Amino acid sequence: MIEHPVRTQTGRILTNPPVMRLIFDDIHFAIVWAFVRVFVGVIWLDAGFNKISNPAWMETGDALKKFWTTMVQTPSSGAPPIAIDWYRGFLQTMLDNGWYTWFAKVIAVGELVVGIMLITGLLVGLAAFLGALMNFNYLMAGSDSLNPILLLAAILLILAWKTAGYYGLDRFIVPRLGATWESDQIKTE
């Protein structure tokens, strides 16, 4: 694979260790990333589809309002679900302004789109980033469930963006964006 070399201040070329190149850059490892992205994509697709078909998400936003209301409360018996004060304040502001009505739709459609993009292998790095952003926000809001696992998978897919979509639409799209899967190695000067 041709890489654009990163040079240190002394002019030496900085490359990834061989094991990292194997895991994240080698198309022989692409099948592993295909399984990871489809697995994560199915979870996103299912979550998004359940929200898209639910009027409490798509019409009123009441499902998101209920979640945010629960999460911003500080129980008298212990710590609140949201440990970071500024984030709790952020959600409280969104609640106070009624933004759950439109934000619920953004979440539902976002989950569905990320799922479709990951399953089809379309712009995997971008899809994984958007999924990671949602997972991060769900974790900040106090919801753990599968979010830590999905966040880790998204980070790995971001690192493997070059090969994660090789068995998908990225195989046709990524070369049009200027990246290729060639067997040539970096040539030192």
N, C-alpha and C. Protein backbone atom coordinates (compact mmCIF):
# COMPACT_ATOMS: atom_id res chain seq x y z
N MET A 1 0.85 -1.17 0.00
CA MET A 1 0.00 0.00 0.00
C MET A 1 0.90 1.24 0.00
N ILE A 2 0.61 2.15 -0.86
CA ILE A 2 1.38 3.39 -0.91
C ILE A 2 0.89 4.31 0.19
N GLU A 3 1.84 4.79 0.97
CA GLU A 3 1.50 5.73 2.03
C GLU A 3 2.26 7.02 1.77
N HIS A 4 1.70 8.09 2.23
CA HIS A 4 2.42 9.35 2.19
C HIS A 4 3.27 9.38 3.44
N PRO A 5 4.59 9.40 3.27
CA PRO A 5 5.46 9.31 4.43
C PRO A 5 5.35 10.53 5.34
N VAL A 6 5.46 10.25 6.62
CA VAL A 6 5.54 11.31 7.61
C VAL A 6 7.00 11.41 8.00
N ARG A 7 7.55 12.58 7.88
CA ARG A 7 8.97 12.76 8.19
C ARG A 7 9.13 13.44 9.54
N THR A 8 10.12 12.97 10.26
CA THR A 8 10.47 13.60 11.53
C THR A 8 11.32 14.84 11.23
N GLN A 9 11.67 15.58 12.27
CA GLN A 9 12.50 16.78 12.08
C GLN A 9 13.88 16.43 11.56
N THR A 10 14.33 15.23 11.80
CA THR A 10 15.64 14.82 11.31
C THR A 10 15.58 14.26 9.90
N GLY A 11 14.38 14.22 9.31
CA GLY A 11 14.24 13.75 7.94
C GLY A 11 13.96 12.26 7.83
N ARG A 12 13.88 11.56 8.95
CA ARG A 12 13.60 10.14 8.92
C ARG A 12 12.11 9.92 8.66
N ILE A 13 11.81 8.82 8.00
CA ILE A 13 10.41 8.48 7.70
C ILE A 13 9.83 7.73 8.88
N LEU A 14 8.65 8.18 9.31
CA LEU A 14 7.95 7.56 10.42
C LEU A 14 6.83 6.68 9.86
N THR A 15 6.86 5.39 10.14
CA THR A 15 5.84 4.47 9.67
C THR A 15 5.23 3.73 10.86
N ASN A 16 4.10 3.14 10.62
CA ASN A 16 3.46 2.33 11.66
C ASN A 16 4.21 1.02 11.83
N PRO A 17 4.17 0.45 13.03
CA PRO A 17 4.79 -0.88 13.24
C PRO A 17 4.10 -1.92 12.36
N PRO A 18 4.80 -2.98 12.00
CA PRO A 18 4.23 -3.99 11.10
C PRO A 18 2.90 -4.56 11.58
N VAL A 19 2.76 -4.82 12.87
CA VAL A 19 1.50 -5.39 13.36
C VAL A 19 0.34 -4.41 13.17
N MET A 20 0.60 -3.13 13.31
CA MET A 20 -0.45 -2.13 13.10
C MET A 20 -0.80 -2.02 11.62
N ARG A 21 0.21 -2.12 10.76
CA ARG A 21 -0.06 -2.10 9.32
C ARG A 21 -0.88 -3.32 8.92
N LEU A 22 -0.59 -4.47 9.52
CA LEU A 22 -1.36 -5.68 9.24
C LEU A 22 -2.81 -5.50 9.66
N ILE A 23 -3.03 -5.03 10.88
CA ILE A 23 -4.39 -4.94 11.42
C ILE A 23 -5.21 -3.85 10.74
N PHE A 24 -4.62 -2.69 10.52
CA PHE A 24 -5.41 -1.55 10.06
C PHE A 24 -5.26 -1.20 8.57
N ASP A 25 -4.19 -1.65 7.92
CA ASP A 25 -3.93 -1.24 6.55
C ASP A 25 -3.96 -2.37 5.52
N ASP A 26 -3.84 -3.60 5.95
CA ASP A 26 -3.72 -4.72 5.02
C ASP A 26 -5.09 -5.23 4.61
N ILE A 27 -5.33 -5.35 3.29
CA ILE A 27 -6.64 -5.80 2.82
C ILE A 27 -6.92 -7.25 3.20
N HIS A 28 -5.88 -8.01 3.56
CA HIS A 28 -6.12 -9.39 4.02
C HIS A 28 -6.86 -9.41 5.35
N PHE A 29 -6.80 -8.33 6.09
CA PHE A 29 -7.51 -8.20 7.37
C PHE A 29 -8.89 -7.57 7.18
N ALA A 30 -9.21 -7.18 5.95
CA ALA A 30 -10.47 -6.48 5.67
C ALA A 30 -11.70 -7.30 6.00
N ILE A 31 -11.61 -8.62 5.89
CA ILE A 31 -12.77 -9.46 6.19
C ILE A 31 -13.14 -9.37 7.67
N VAL A 32 -12.14 -9.24 8.53
CA VAL A 32 -12.41 -9.08 9.97
C VAL A 32 -13.18 -7.78 10.20
N TRP A 33 -12.72 -6.70 9.55
CA TRP A 33 -13.39 -5.41 9.72
C TRP A 33 -14.79 -5.44 9.12
N ALA A 34 -14.99 -6.23 8.06
CA ALA A 34 -16.32 -6.36 7.47
C ALA A 34 -17.29 -6.96 8.50
N PHE A 35 -16.85 -7.98 9.21
CA PHE A 35 -17.70 -8.58 10.25
C PHE A 35 -17.98 -7.58 11.37
N VAL A 36 -16.95 -6.85 11.79
CA VAL A 36 -17.13 -5.86 12.87
C VAL A 36 -18.12 -4.79 12.43
N ARG A 37 -17.93 -4.22 11.25
CA ARG A 37 -18.80 -3.12 10.83
C ARG A 37 -20.23 -3.59 10.59
N VAL A 38 -20.42 -4.79 10.06
CA VAL A 38 -21.78 -5.29 9.85
C VAL A 38 -22.45 -5.56 11.20
N PHE A 39 -21.72 -6.14 12.15
CA PHE A 39 -22.25 -6.37 13.49
C PHE A 39 -22.70 -5.06 14.13
N VAL A 40 -21.83 -4.07 14.12
CA VAL A 40 -22.16 -2.76 14.70
C VAL A 40 -23.28 -2.10 13.90
N GLY A 41 -23.23 -2.22 12.58
CA GLY A 41 -24.25 -1.63 11.72
C GLY A 41 -25.64 -2.20 11.98
N VAL A 42 -25.72 -3.50 12.22
CA VAL A 42 -27.02 -4.12 12.50
C VAL A 42 -27.59 -3.58 13.82
N ILE A 43 -26.74 -3.38 14.80
CA ILE A 43 -27.20 -2.82 16.08
C ILE A 43 -27.73 -1.41 15.88
N TRP A 44 -26.99 -0.57 15.12
CA TRP A 44 -27.45 0.79 14.83
C TRP A 44 -28.74 0.78 14.03
N LEU A 45 -28.80 -0.07 13.01
CA LEU A 45 -29.99 -0.15 12.16
C LEU A 45 -31.22 -0.54 12.97
N ASP A 46 -31.07 -1.53 13.83
CA ASP A 46 -32.18 -1.97 14.68
C ASP A 46 -32.63 -0.85 15.61
N ALA A 47 -31.68 -0.18 16.25
CA ALA A 47 -32.03 0.92 17.17
C ALA A 47 -32.73 2.05 16.42
N GLY A 48 -32.19 2.41 15.26
CA GLY A 48 -32.79 3.48 14.47
C GLY A 48 -34.16 3.12 13.93
N PHE A 49 -34.31 1.89 13.46
CA PHE A 49 -35.61 1.46 12.93
C PHE A 49 -36.67 1.47 14.02
N ASN A 50 -36.32 1.01 15.22
CA ASN A 50 -37.28 1.02 16.33
C ASN A 50 -37.71 2.45 16.68
N LYS A 51 -36.80 3.39 16.56
CA LYS A 51 -37.15 4.79 16.85
C LYS A 51 -37.95 5.41 15.71
N ILE A 52 -37.55 5.14 14.48
CA ILE A 52 -38.24 5.70 13.31
C ILE A 52 -39.72 5.28 13.30
N SER A 53 -39.98 4.07 13.73
CA SER A 53 -41.35 3.56 13.70
C SER A 53 -42.14 3.88 14.98
N ASN A 54 -41.57 4.70 15.86
CA ASN A 54 -42.20 5.02 17.13
C ASN A 54 -42.60 6.50 17.15
N PRO A 55 -43.92 6.79 17.26
CA PRO A 55 -44.36 8.19 17.29
C PRO A 55 -43.78 9.00 18.45
N ALA A 56 -43.43 8.34 19.55
CA ALA A 56 -42.84 9.05 20.69
C ALA A 56 -41.45 9.60 20.33
N TRP A 57 -40.85 9.07 19.29
CA TRP A 57 -39.58 9.60 18.79
C TRP A 57 -39.79 10.54 17.62
N MET A 58 -40.62 10.13 16.68
CA MET A 58 -40.71 10.85 15.41
C MET A 58 -41.77 11.96 15.37
N GLU A 59 -42.74 11.93 16.26
CA GLU A 59 -43.78 12.95 16.22
C GLU A 59 -43.68 13.93 17.39
N THR A 60 -43.62 13.39 18.60
CA THR A 60 -43.65 14.27 19.78
C THR A 60 -42.29 14.47 20.43
N GLY A 61 -41.41 13.48 20.28
CA GLY A 61 -40.13 13.54 20.98
C GLY A 61 -40.25 13.17 22.45
N ASP A 62 -41.43 12.68 22.86
CA ASP A 62 -41.65 12.36 24.27
C ASP A 62 -40.70 11.30 24.83
N ALA A 63 -40.28 10.35 23.99
CA ALA A 63 -39.35 9.32 24.45
C ALA A 63 -38.02 9.95 24.87
N LEU A 64 -37.53 10.86 24.07
CA LEU A 64 -36.27 11.54 24.41
C LEU A 64 -36.47 12.47 25.60
N LYS A 65 -37.60 13.14 25.65
CA LYS A 65 -37.91 14.02 26.79
C LYS A 65 -37.90 13.22 28.09
N LYS A 66 -38.53 12.07 28.08
CA LYS A 66 -38.56 11.21 29.28
C LYS A 66 -37.15 10.78 29.69
N PHE A 67 -36.35 10.38 28.71
CA PHE A 67 -34.98 9.96 29.00
C PHE A 67 -34.17 11.10 29.59
N TRP A 68 -34.19 12.26 28.92
CA TRP A 68 -33.43 13.41 29.42
C TRP A 68 -33.91 13.83 30.80
N THR A 69 -35.23 13.84 31.02
CA THR A 69 -35.77 14.25 32.32
C THR A 69 -35.27 13.33 33.43
N THR A 70 -35.25 12.05 33.15
CA THR A 70 -34.75 11.08 34.13
C THR A 70 -33.27 11.29 34.41
N MET A 71 -32.51 11.53 33.36
CA MET A 71 -31.06 11.62 33.50
C MET A 71 -30.58 12.92 34.16
N VAL A 72 -31.30 14.00 34.01
CA VAL A 72 -30.83 15.26 34.59
C VAL A 72 -31.19 15.39 36.07
N GLN A 73 -32.09 14.54 36.57
CA GLN A 73 -32.48 14.60 37.98
C GLN A 73 -31.36 14.08 38.88
N THR A 74 -31.21 14.75 40.00
CA THR A 74 -30.25 14.30 41.00
C THR A 74 -31.02 13.62 42.12
N PRO A 75 -30.89 12.31 42.27
CA PRO A 75 -31.63 11.62 43.31
C PRO A 75 -31.10 12.00 44.70
N SER A 76 -31.99 11.98 45.69
CA SER A 76 -31.58 12.34 47.04
C SER A 76 -30.68 11.28 47.66
N SER A 77 -30.72 10.08 47.13
CA SER A 77 -29.97 8.98 47.72
C SER A 77 -28.58 8.76 47.14
N GLY A 78 -28.19 9.53 46.13
CA GLY A 78 -26.88 9.26 45.55
C GLY A 78 -26.51 10.18 44.42
N ALA A 79 -25.56 9.73 43.65
CA ALA A 79 -25.04 10.52 42.54
C ALA A 79 -26.00 10.49 41.36
N PRO A 80 -26.06 11.57 40.61
CA PRO A 80 -26.92 11.60 39.42
C PRO A 80 -26.35 10.72 38.32
N PRO A 81 -27.21 10.27 37.39
CA PRO A 81 -26.71 9.45 36.28
C PRO A 81 -25.68 10.19 35.42
N ILE A 82 -25.82 11.51 35.31
CA ILE A 82 -24.87 12.30 34.54
C ILE A 82 -23.86 12.88 35.52
N ALA A 83 -22.64 12.43 35.43
CA ALA A 83 -21.62 12.82 36.40
C ALA A 83 -21.00 14.18 36.11
N ILE A 84 -21.13 14.67 34.89
CA ILE A 84 -20.47 15.92 34.51
C ILE A 84 -21.50 17.04 34.49
N ASP A 85 -21.29 18.02 35.36
CA ASP A 85 -22.26 19.09 35.56
C ASP A 85 -22.60 19.85 34.29
N TRP A 86 -21.59 20.23 33.49
CA TRP A 86 -21.88 21.03 32.30
C TRP A 86 -22.74 20.26 31.31
N TYR A 87 -22.56 18.93 31.24
CA TYR A 87 -23.37 18.15 30.31
C TYR A 87 -24.80 18.05 30.80
N ARG A 88 -24.97 17.89 32.12
CA ARG A 88 -26.31 17.88 32.70
C ARG A 88 -27.00 19.21 32.41
N GLY A 89 -26.27 20.32 32.57
CA GLY A 89 -26.81 21.64 32.27
C GLY A 89 -27.17 21.79 30.80
N PHE A 90 -26.35 21.22 29.93
CA PHE A 90 -26.61 21.23 28.49
C PHE A 90 -27.93 20.53 28.17
N LEU A 91 -28.11 19.33 28.74
CA LEU A 91 -29.36 18.59 28.50
C LEU A 91 -30.56 19.32 29.13
N GLN A 92 -30.34 19.93 30.29
CA GLN A 92 -31.43 20.67 30.92
C GLN A 92 -31.85 21.85 30.04
N THR A 93 -30.89 22.53 29.45
CA THR A 93 -31.20 23.63 28.53
C THR A 93 -31.99 23.13 27.33
N MET A 94 -31.61 21.97 26.80
CA MET A 94 -32.33 21.39 25.66
C MET A 94 -33.75 21.01 26.08
N LEU A 95 -33.89 20.49 27.29
CA LEU A 95 -35.23 20.17 27.80
C LEU A 95 -36.07 21.43 27.96
N ASP A 96 -35.49 22.44 28.60
CA ASP A 96 -36.22 23.69 28.86
C ASP A 96 -36.70 24.36 27.59
N ASN A 97 -35.94 24.21 26.52
CA ASN A 97 -36.29 24.83 25.24
C ASN A 97 -37.14 23.93 24.34
N GLY A 98 -37.44 22.72 24.81
CA GLY A 98 -38.28 21.81 24.02
C GLY A 98 -37.58 21.25 22.79
N TRP A 99 -36.26 21.23 22.80
CA TRP A 99 -35.51 20.78 21.63
C TRP A 99 -35.63 19.28 21.41
N TYR A 100 -36.15 18.54 22.37
CA TYR A 100 -36.32 17.10 22.22
C TYR A 100 -37.26 16.78 21.06
N THR A 101 -38.15 17.71 20.70
CA THR A 101 -39.10 17.45 19.61
C THR A 101 -38.38 17.25 18.27
N TRP A 102 -37.36 18.03 17.99
CA TRP A 102 -36.62 17.85 16.74
C TRP A 102 -35.38 16.99 16.92
N PHE A 103 -34.78 17.01 18.12
CA PHE A 103 -33.55 16.26 18.33
C PHE A 103 -33.82 14.75 18.34
N ALA A 104 -35.00 14.34 18.76
CA ALA A 104 -35.36 12.93 18.73
C ALA A 104 -35.33 12.40 17.30
N LYS A 105 -35.80 13.21 16.37
CA LYS A 105 -35.77 12.82 14.95
C LYS A 105 -34.33 12.71 14.45
N VAL A 106 -33.49 13.64 14.87
CA VAL A 106 -32.08 13.60 14.47
C VAL A 106 -31.43 12.31 14.95
N ILE A 107 -31.69 11.95 16.19
CA ILE A 107 -31.13 10.72 16.75
C ILE A 107 -31.63 9.49 15.98
N ALA A 108 -32.94 9.41 15.77
CA ALA A 108 -33.52 8.24 15.09
C ALA A 108 -32.97 8.09 13.68
N VAL A 109 -32.98 9.17 12.93
CA VAL A 109 -32.48 9.12 11.55
C VAL A 109 -30.97 8.87 11.56
N GLY A 110 -30.25 9.50 12.48
CA GLY A 110 -28.80 9.30 12.58
C GLY A 110 -28.44 7.86 12.83
N GLU A 111 -29.13 7.21 13.75
CA GLU A 111 -28.86 5.81 14.04
C GLU A 111 -29.14 4.93 12.81
N LEU A 112 -30.23 5.22 12.14
CA LEU A 112 -30.59 4.45 10.95
C LEU A 112 -29.54 4.64 9.84
N VAL A 113 -29.14 5.87 9.59
CA VAL A 113 -28.17 6.16 8.53
C VAL A 113 -26.81 5.53 8.85
N VAL A 114 -26.36 5.66 10.09
CA VAL A 114 -25.08 5.05 10.47
C VAL A 114 -25.14 3.54 10.27
N GLY A 115 -26.25 2.93 10.65
CA GLY A 115 -26.40 1.48 10.45
C GLY A 115 -26.32 1.10 8.98
N ILE A 116 -27.02 1.82 8.14
CA ILE A 116 -27.00 1.53 6.70
C ILE A 116 -25.61 1.73 6.12
N MET A 117 -24.95 2.82 6.50
CA MET A 117 -23.61 3.09 5.98
C MET A 117 -22.62 2.01 6.40
N LEU A 118 -22.70 1.55 7.65
CA LEU A 118 -21.77 0.52 8.11
C LEU A 118 -22.06 -0.82 7.44
N ILE A 119 -23.30 -1.18 7.33
CA ILE A 119 -23.65 -2.47 6.72
C ILE A 119 -23.23 -2.51 5.25
N THR A 120 -23.45 -1.43 4.54
CA THR A 120 -23.10 -1.39 3.11
C THR A 120 -21.63 -1.06 2.87
N GLY A 121 -20.91 -0.65 3.90
CA GLY A 121 -19.51 -0.30 3.73
C GLY A 121 -19.33 1.03 3.02
N LEU A 122 -20.24 1.96 3.25
CA LEU A 122 -20.21 3.27 2.61
C LEU A 122 -19.56 4.29 3.54
N LEU A 123 -18.40 4.82 3.14
CA LEU A 123 -17.67 5.81 3.94
C LEU A 123 -17.58 5.37 5.40
N VAL A 124 -16.99 4.20 5.59
CA VAL A 124 -16.94 3.54 6.89
C VAL A 124 -16.31 4.43 7.96
N GLY A 125 -15.23 5.12 7.63
CA GLY A 125 -14.58 5.98 8.62
C GLY A 125 -15.52 7.07 9.12
N LEU A 126 -16.24 7.70 8.21
CA LEU A 126 -17.20 8.74 8.58
C LEU A 126 -18.35 8.16 9.38
N ALA A 127 -18.90 7.04 8.93
CA ALA A 127 -20.01 6.40 9.64
C ALA A 127 -19.59 5.99 11.04
N ALA A 128 -18.39 5.44 11.17
CA ALA A 128 -17.90 5.04 12.49
C ALA A 128 -17.70 6.25 13.39
N PHE A 129 -17.20 7.35 12.81
CA PHE A 129 -17.03 8.57 13.60
C PHE A 129 -18.38 9.08 14.11
N LEU A 130 -19.38 9.10 13.24
CA LEU A 130 -20.71 9.57 13.66
C LEU A 130 -21.31 8.64 14.71
N GLY A 131 -21.11 7.33 14.54
CA GLY A 131 -21.56 6.38 15.56
C GLY A 131 -20.84 6.59 16.88
N ALA A 132 -19.53 6.82 16.82
CA ALA A 132 -18.76 7.08 18.04
C ALA A 132 -19.23 8.35 18.72
N LEU A 133 -19.56 9.36 17.94
CA LEU A 133 -20.07 10.62 18.50
C LEU A 133 -21.39 10.38 19.24
N MET A 134 -22.26 9.59 18.64
CA MET A 134 -23.52 9.26 19.33
C MET A 134 -23.26 8.45 20.58
N ASN A 135 -22.39 7.42 20.49
CA ASN A 135 -22.07 6.62 21.67
C ASN A 135 -21.49 7.47 22.78
N PHE A 136 -20.60 8.38 22.43
CA PHE A 136 -19.99 9.28 23.42
C PHE A 136 -21.07 10.08 24.13
N ASN A 137 -22.01 10.64 23.36
CA ASN A 137 -23.08 11.44 23.96
C ASN A 137 -24.02 10.58 24.80
N TYR A 138 -24.30 9.37 24.38
CA TYR A 138 -25.15 8.49 25.18
C TYR A 138 -24.46 8.16 26.50
N LEU A 139 -23.15 7.93 26.44
CA LEU A 139 -22.40 7.67 27.67
C LEU A 139 -22.37 8.90 28.57
N MET A 140 -22.18 10.07 27.98
CA MET A 140 -22.19 11.31 28.77
C MET A 140 -23.54 11.53 29.43
N ALA A 141 -24.61 11.07 28.77
CA ALA A 141 -25.95 11.24 29.31
C ALA A 141 -26.30 10.17 30.35
N GLY A 142 -25.36 9.26 30.61
CA GLY A 142 -25.58 8.28 31.66
C GLY A 142 -26.11 6.94 31.20
N SER A 143 -26.14 6.70 29.91
CA SER A 143 -26.64 5.43 29.39
C SER A 143 -25.46 4.56 28.98
N ASP A 144 -25.31 3.43 29.66
CA ASP A 144 -24.18 2.59 29.28
C ASP A 144 -24.60 1.48 28.32
N SER A 145 -25.39 0.54 28.68
CA SER A 145 -25.82 -0.59 27.86
C SER A 145 -24.69 -1.06 26.94
N LEU A 146 -24.89 -1.08 25.64
CA LEU A 146 -23.86 -1.51 24.69
C LEU A 146 -22.93 -0.38 24.26
N ASN A 147 -23.17 0.82 24.75
CA ASN A 147 -22.42 1.98 24.26
C ASN A 147 -20.91 1.87 24.43
N PRO A 148 -20.37 1.35 25.55
CA PRO A 148 -18.91 1.23 25.61
C PRO A 148 -18.34 0.29 24.54
N ILE A 149 -19.05 -0.82 24.29
CA ILE A 149 -18.58 -1.78 23.28
C ILE A 149 -18.68 -1.17 21.89
N LEU A 150 -19.79 -0.49 21.62
CA LEU A 150 -19.96 0.13 20.31
C LEU A 150 -18.97 1.27 20.10
N LEU A 151 -18.65 2.01 21.16
CA LEU A 151 -17.67 3.08 21.06
C LEU A 151 -16.29 2.51 20.73
N LEU A 152 -15.91 1.44 21.41
CA LEU A 152 -14.63 0.79 21.12
C LEU A 152 -14.59 0.27 19.68
N ALA A 153 -15.66 -0.38 19.24
CA ALA A 153 -15.72 -0.88 17.87
C ALA A 153 -15.62 0.27 16.87
N ALA A 154 -16.28 1.38 17.17
CA ALA A 154 -16.24 2.55 16.27
C ALA A 154 -14.82 3.11 16.19
N ILE A 155 -14.14 3.19 17.31
CA ILE A 155 -12.76 3.69 17.31
C ILE A 155 -11.87 2.79 16.46
N LEU A 156 -12.03 1.49 16.60
CA LEU A 156 -11.25 0.55 15.80
C LEU A 156 -11.58 0.68 14.31
N LEU A 157 -12.86 0.87 13.99
CA LEU A 157 -13.25 1.06 12.59
C LEU A 157 -12.70 2.37 12.03
N ILE A 158 -12.63 3.39 12.86
CA ILE A 158 -12.04 4.66 12.41
C ILE A 158 -10.56 4.44 12.07
N LEU A 159 -9.86 3.70 12.93
CA LEU A 159 -8.45 3.42 12.68
C LEU A 159 -8.26 2.56 11.43
N ALA A 160 -9.24 1.70 11.15
CA ALA A 160 -9.14 0.78 10.02
C ALA A 160 -9.93 1.27 8.81
N TRP A 161 -10.19 2.56 8.75
CA TRP A 161 -11.05 3.10 7.68
C TRP A 161 -10.58 2.70 6.28
N LYS A 162 -9.28 2.54 6.10
CA LYS A 162 -8.75 2.24 4.76
C LYS A 162 -9.17 0.86 4.27
N THR A 163 -9.33 -0.07 5.19
CA THR A 163 -9.66 -1.43 4.78
C THR A 163 -11.02 -1.90 5.28
N ALA A 164 -11.63 -1.20 6.22
CA ALA A 164 -12.90 -1.65 6.79
C ALA A 164 -14.03 -1.69 5.78
N GLY A 165 -13.97 -0.89 4.75
CA GLY A 165 -15.00 -0.88 3.72
C GLY A 165 -14.59 -1.56 2.44
N TYR A 166 -13.46 -2.25 2.47
CA TYR A 166 -12.95 -2.91 1.25
C TYR A 166 -13.97 -3.88 0.67
N TYR A 167 -14.64 -4.65 1.54
CA TYR A 167 -15.72 -5.53 1.10
C TYR A 167 -17.04 -4.80 1.28
N GLY A 168 -17.20 -3.74 0.55
CA GLY A 168 -18.39 -2.90 0.61
C GLY A 168 -18.29 -1.81 -0.44
N LEU A 169 -19.13 -0.81 -0.30
CA LEU A 169 -19.16 0.28 -1.28
C LEU A 169 -17.88 1.11 -1.29
N ASP A 170 -17.16 1.14 -0.19
CA ASP A 170 -15.90 1.90 -0.15
C ASP A 170 -14.89 1.38 -1.16
N ARG A 171 -14.99 0.13 -1.52
CA ARG A 171 -14.06 -0.43 -2.51
C ARG A 171 -14.14 0.34 -3.82
N PHE A 172 -15.32 0.91 -4.09
CA PHE A 172 -15.51 1.66 -5.33
C PHE A 172 -15.42 3.17 -5.09
N ILE A 173 -15.76 3.60 -3.90
CA ILE A 173 -15.81 5.03 -3.60
C ILE A 173 -14.46 5.58 -3.15
N VAL A 174 -13.76 4.86 -2.29
CA VAL A 174 -12.49 5.36 -1.75
C VAL A 174 -11.47 5.66 -2.85
N PRO A 175 -11.32 4.81 -3.88
CA PRO A 175 -10.38 5.18 -4.95
C PRO A 175 -10.76 6.48 -5.66
N ARG A 176 -12.03 6.76 -5.77
CA ARG A 176 -12.48 8.02 -6.40
C ARG A 176 -12.15 9.22 -5.52
N LEU A 177 -11.92 8.97 -4.24
CA LEU A 177 -11.54 10.04 -3.31
C LEU A 177 -10.02 10.22 -3.25
N GLY A 178 -9.29 9.37 -3.98
CA GLY A 178 -7.84 9.53 -4.06
C GLY A 178 -7.03 8.49 -3.34
N ALA A 179 -7.66 7.60 -2.58
CA ALA A 179 -6.92 6.54 -1.89
C ALA A 179 -6.99 5.27 -2.72
N THR A 180 -5.97 4.43 -2.64
CA THR A 180 -5.96 3.18 -3.40
C THR A 180 -5.44 2.06 -2.53
N TRP A 181 -5.70 0.84 -2.98
CA TRP A 181 -5.17 -0.34 -2.31
C TRP A 181 -4.14 -0.95 -3.24
N GLU A 182 -2.94 -0.40 -3.23
CA GLU A 182 -1.88 -0.90 -4.09
C GLU A 182 -0.88 -1.66 -3.25
N SER A 183 -0.13 -2.54 -3.90
CA SER A 183 0.82 -3.38 -3.17
C SER A 183 2.20 -2.76 -3.06
N ASP A 184 2.44 -1.63 -3.71
CA ASP A 184 3.76 -1.00 -3.63
C ASP A 184 4.03 -0.50 -2.22
N GLN A 185 5.27 -0.53 -1.82
CA GLN A 185 5.68 -0.03 -0.51
C GLN A 185 6.21 1.37 -0.65
N ILE A 186 6.39 2.04 0.47
CA ILE A 186 6.97 3.39 0.47
C ILE A 186 8.40 3.28 -0.05
N LYS A 187 8.73 4.18 -0.93
CA LYS A 187 10.09 4.22 -1.44
C LYS A 187 10.85 5.30 -0.68
N THR A 188 11.96 4.91 -0.11
CA THR A 188 12.78 5.89 0.60
C THR A 188 13.65 6.63 -0.39
N GLU A 189 13.91 7.85 -0.06
CA GLU A 189 14.70 8.71 -0.96
C GLU A 189 16.17 8.59 -0.65
